[in-house]
Amino acid sequence: MDYIQWQLVTDYSEISMPTLLKPSQERSRETRLVLSDWSGVFSDNRKVVYSAAMRIMESHGKPTLEFSEWLRLPHRGPAELFREHGIADNHGFLVEQQYKAKPEEVKFSSGRPTLYSDAKFALGEISRTGIPIVILSSRPAYHVIAEARESGIDGFFSEVVGGVKDRRKGILEVLNRRAVEPQYALYVGDNIYNISTAKEIGVFSVGITTGHHHKSSLQASAPDALVDSLSELTQVIMPMLRKGTDKLNIKNDIYY
C-alpha cells in the first residue's frame, strides 16, 4: 500500500484475526464504519480498463470486443478475460501503465474516469450521519485523491488507502487501527472477490452492480445486500448508519 501525508507502518502478522461470524449468528445492524472500493463504486473507470485490456488483447493477437460486448460479460474485468485467452496475468502491468504517472500526466485513450452521477448525493447522505467513510483502492492513493478533489468530493472521506493488493489485510488493518469490530462495519464493492473477502471477515457486505462484475455474478456471491446504484445504496444502509451516530469521534483528512 502507498502512504501519503500520514505515515503508518503495520506488521500484519501481529493483527489479531476477528472471530468469523457463523451464518446462523444474529449480527448487529449498528454500523460505525463504512468501507468501500473506489473504482466501480464512486468512479466509473470501465471504459478506461476496457481500452487498456483491448490493447493487451490486440498485442497478443487475440480477438477484441466492442464496449457493449464487454459490458455483457459476467466479469467486465481484464484478469478473467486474459485467463480465458491464455494470456499471462497482465492486470498488474495494466494498472501500472494507467496509474504510474502523476494524475495530470496519465493518458487515457478513452477518456478519464468519471464520477457516477449520484455519488455526491450518496456521500452527502452518509456523511450527515457522522459515520467515517474509508476508501480502499488498488489504485495509488494520490490518483484517487486527485480524482476526488477534482470532483469536489474529497471532503467526504476520512481516509483514502491506496495501492491495496490484499483486500483482506487492508480491511483488517483499518478495523484494527480504528478499533471497530467487523460486525460494526460494512463494505461496498463491485466485484465478487471483495464481497467474498468482506463476508469472510464478518463485515456486512454490499454488492453494487455499477462496476466490473455483472449483477448475476454478484448475486451468486450472495452479498448481504445488492444494489443497482449509489442512490439505492443510501436507502439500504441509512437505517443501519443512524444507529451508531452518537458513538463516534471522527478525525478527517488522513490520506496515505
Foldseek 3Di string as FASTA:
>chain_A
DDADPDDDDDDLVPQDAADADDPVDDFALAAQAEEEAPDLAFWDCLLQQLVLLQVVCVVVVHDHDDSVVLLPDQFSGNQVVCVVVVHPRCVVVSLCLQAVDQLVPGDGPRDDIDTDPCNQVLLVLLVVLVRAYEYEYLHALNNSLVRCVVVPNNQSHQEYHYNDPDLLSVVSVVCVVVVHQQSNYEYEYAALVNQLSSNRSHHQYEHEQRHRGHPVRNVVSPGNYYYDHSVVVCVVSVVNHNNHSVPDDGDGDRYD
